[in-house]
Amino acid sequence: MSMVKGDRRQDRRKSVFLSYSRADQALAQRLAATLQQAGFEVWWDILIEGGEAFAKSIEAALEASDAVIVLWSKTAAASDWVLDEAARARDLKKLVPLGIDGTDPPLGFRQYQAIDLRGWSGDADAPAIAAIRRAVAAAATREP
């Protein structure tokens, strides 16, 4: 698919869906803020408005995103929501896995290189953040 000048997909900010376990919310919040400062549009579950259906909102955001960042941790690997979101991201070829506590991703996701985010202090210039930006850019160009 060629990109012509003025193509909206080329000109718009890349969108990221953030999948994480509730136990990792503090890290997810820091990462979301860092990604937004880096110019990404970030969707995560705190953006679901009152009265909206969780599953429909999540599915729509997953489908619309350029990339899906999954924060793999012990609790995330045991979360049905995270597993479902990661599986859909994998099927859409949008998966950007991050390791945050040294836990191996569950079966079905171990063949994908995870970016190691352990020890990240929130520094926007950290090598892991640059790796995430590159991975999101690559995911945005893959065809499902």
Protein backbone atom coordinates (compact mmCIF):
# COMPACT_ATOMS: atom_id res chain seq x y z
CA MET A 1 0.00 0.00 0.00
CA SER A 2 1.56 3.29 -1.01
CA MET A 3 1.24 6.42 1.04
CA VAL A 4 0.44 9.56 -0.88
CA LYS A 5 1.12 13.00 0.43
CA GLY A 6 -1.74 14.10 2.63
CA ASP A 7 -2.83 10.53 3.42
CA ARG A 8 -4.49 10.79 6.84
CA ARG A 9 -2.89 7.56 8.09
CA GLN A 10 0.56 9.02 7.45
CA ASP A 11 -0.19 12.45 8.90
CA ARG A 12 -1.99 11.49 12.10
CA ARG A 13 -0.44 10.56 15.44
CA LYS A 14 0.05 6.85 16.03
CA SER A 15 -2.48 5.35 18.42
CA VAL A 16 -1.58 2.85 21.12
CA PHE A 17 -3.84 0.54 23.11
CA LEU A 18 -2.38 -0.21 26.54
CA SER A 19 -3.15 -3.64 28.03
CA TYR A 20 -2.15 -4.32 31.64
CA SER A 21 -3.20 -5.96 34.88
CA ARG A 22 -4.92 -3.73 37.44
CA ALA A 23 -2.04 -4.58 39.84
CA ASP A 24 0.32 -2.79 37.41
CA GLN A 25 -1.79 0.35 37.04
CA ALA A 26 0.79 2.74 38.53
CA LEU A 27 3.39 1.68 35.94
CA ALA A 28 0.78 1.74 33.17
CA GLN A 29 -0.13 5.31 34.13
CA ARG A 30 3.54 6.46 34.01
CA LEU A 31 4.03 4.72 30.67
CA ALA A 32 0.83 6.23 29.22
CA ALA A 33 1.96 9.72 30.23
CA THR A 34 5.43 9.15 28.72
CA LEU A 35 3.95 7.86 25.46
CA GLN A 36 1.56 10.80 25.25
CA GLN A 37 4.48 13.20 25.75
CA ALA A 38 6.28 11.34 22.93
CA GLY A 39 3.39 12.17 20.61
CA PHE A 40 1.30 9.00 20.75
CA GLU A 41 -2.44 8.86 21.28
CA VAL A 42 -2.89 6.39 24.16
CA TRP A 43 -6.06 4.45 24.92
CA TRP A 44 -6.42 2.50 28.13
CA ASP A 45 -9.36 1.40 30.22
CA ILE A 46 -9.54 4.53 32.39
CA LEU A 47 -10.94 6.26 29.29
CA ILE A 48 -14.09 4.12 29.35
CA GLU A 49 -16.96 6.45 30.22
CA GLY A 50 -19.65 5.64 32.76
CA GLY A 51 -22.42 3.55 31.23
CA GLU A 52 -20.30 2.22 28.37
CA ALA A 53 -20.03 -1.55 27.86
CA PHE A 54 -16.48 -2.65 28.70
CA ALA A 55 -16.17 -5.34 26.05
CA LYS A 56 -17.51 -3.17 23.22
CA SER A 57 -15.31 -0.21 24.16
CA ILE A 58 -12.22 -2.37 24.48
CA GLU A 59 -12.86 -4.18 21.19
CA ALA A 60 -13.42 -0.92 19.31
CA ALA A 61 -10.24 0.60 20.75
CA LEU A 62 -8.21 -2.53 19.95
CA GLU A 63 -9.40 -2.55 16.36
CA ALA A 64 -8.76 1.17 15.87
CA SER A 65 -5.26 1.24 17.39
CA ASP A 66 -2.02 1.16 15.42
CA ALA A 67 -0.32 -0.95 18.09
CA VAL A 68 -1.22 -2.81 21.28
CA ILE A 69 1.31 -2.60 24.09
CA VAL A 70 0.94 -5.46 26.57
CA LEU A 71 2.59 -5.12 29.98
CA TRP A 72 3.46 -8.73 30.87
CA SER A 73 3.74 -9.43 34.58
CA LYS A 74 2.82 -12.32 36.85
CA THR A 75 -0.68 -10.90 37.35
CA ALA A 76 -1.10 -9.95 33.67
CA ALA A 77 -0.23 -13.48 32.54
CA ALA A 78 -3.08 -14.74 34.77
CA SER A 79 -5.62 -12.11 33.63
CA ASP A 80 -8.32 -13.26 31.20
CA TRP A 81 -8.74 -9.67 29.97
CA VAL A 82 -5.03 -9.22 29.22
CA LEU A 83 -4.86 -12.64 27.54
CA ASP A 84 -7.85 -11.78 25.33
CA GLU A 85 -6.45 -8.36 24.43
CA ALA A 86 -3.00 -9.80 23.69
CA ALA A 87 -4.47 -12.58 21.53
CA ARG A 88 -6.45 -10.09 19.47
CA ALA A 89 -3.36 -7.87 19.12
CA ARG A 90 -1.33 -10.88 17.97
CA ASP A 91 -4.01 -11.80 15.41
CA LEU A 92 -4.07 -8.22 14.10
CA LYS A 93 -0.24 -8.15 14.03
CA LYS A 94 -0.23 -5.16 16.39
CA LEU A 95 1.40 -6.79 19.42
CA VAL A 96 4.18 -4.89 21.23
CA PRO A 97 5.00 -6.93 24.36
CA LEU A 98 6.83 -5.43 27.34
CA GLY A 99 8.28 -7.41 30.23
CA ILE A 100 7.89 -5.56 33.50
CA ASP A 101 8.78 -8.06 36.25
CA GLY A 102 10.76 -10.87 34.63
CA THR A 103 7.77 -13.18 34.25
CA ASP A 104 7.72 -15.18 31.02
CA PRO A 105 4.74 -14.38 28.83
CA PRO A 106 2.14 -17.16 28.75
CA LEU A 107 2.15 -19.84 26.07
CA GLY A 108 1.24 -18.41 22.70
CA PHE A 109 3.24 -15.22 23.31
CA ARG A 110 6.76 -16.44 24.08
CA GLN A 111 7.85 -16.40 20.45
CA TYR A 112 7.60 -12.58 20.36
CA GLN A 113 10.53 -10.49 21.52
CA ALA A 114 9.49 -8.51 24.59
CA ILE A 115 11.03 -5.14 25.41
CA ASP A 116 12.46 -5.24 28.94
CA LEU A 117 10.96 -2.43 31.00
CA ARG A 118 12.20 -3.71 34.38
CA GLY A 119 13.81 -0.98 36.40
CA TRP A 120 12.40 1.82 34.23
CA SER A 121 12.27 4.97 36.35
CA GLY A 122 9.96 6.99 34.12
CA ASP A 123 12.74 8.57 32.06
CA ALA A 124 11.36 9.49 28.62
CA ASP A 125 14.87 9.22 27.15
CA ALA A 126 15.46 5.65 28.38
CA PRO A 127 16.55 3.13 25.72
CA ALA A 128 13.43 1.03 26.42
CA ILE A 129 11.19 3.98 25.49
CA ALA A 130 13.07 4.43 22.21
CA ALA A 131 12.59 0.69 21.56
CA ILE A 132 8.86 1.02 22.26
CA ARG A 133 8.58 3.95 19.82
CA ARG A 134 10.31 1.89 17.11
CA ALA A 135 8.13 -1.16 17.80
CA VAL A 136 4.93 0.90 17.63
CA ALA A 137 6.04 2.42 14.32
CA ALA A 138 6.75 -1.07 12.95
CA ALA A 139 3.42 -2.46 14.19
CA ALA A 140 1.57 0.41 12.56
CA THR A 141 2.82 -0.67 9.13
CA ARG A 142 1.94 -4.39 9.40
CA GLU A 143 -1.09 -5.72 7.57
CA PRO A 144 -3.40 -7.94 9.67
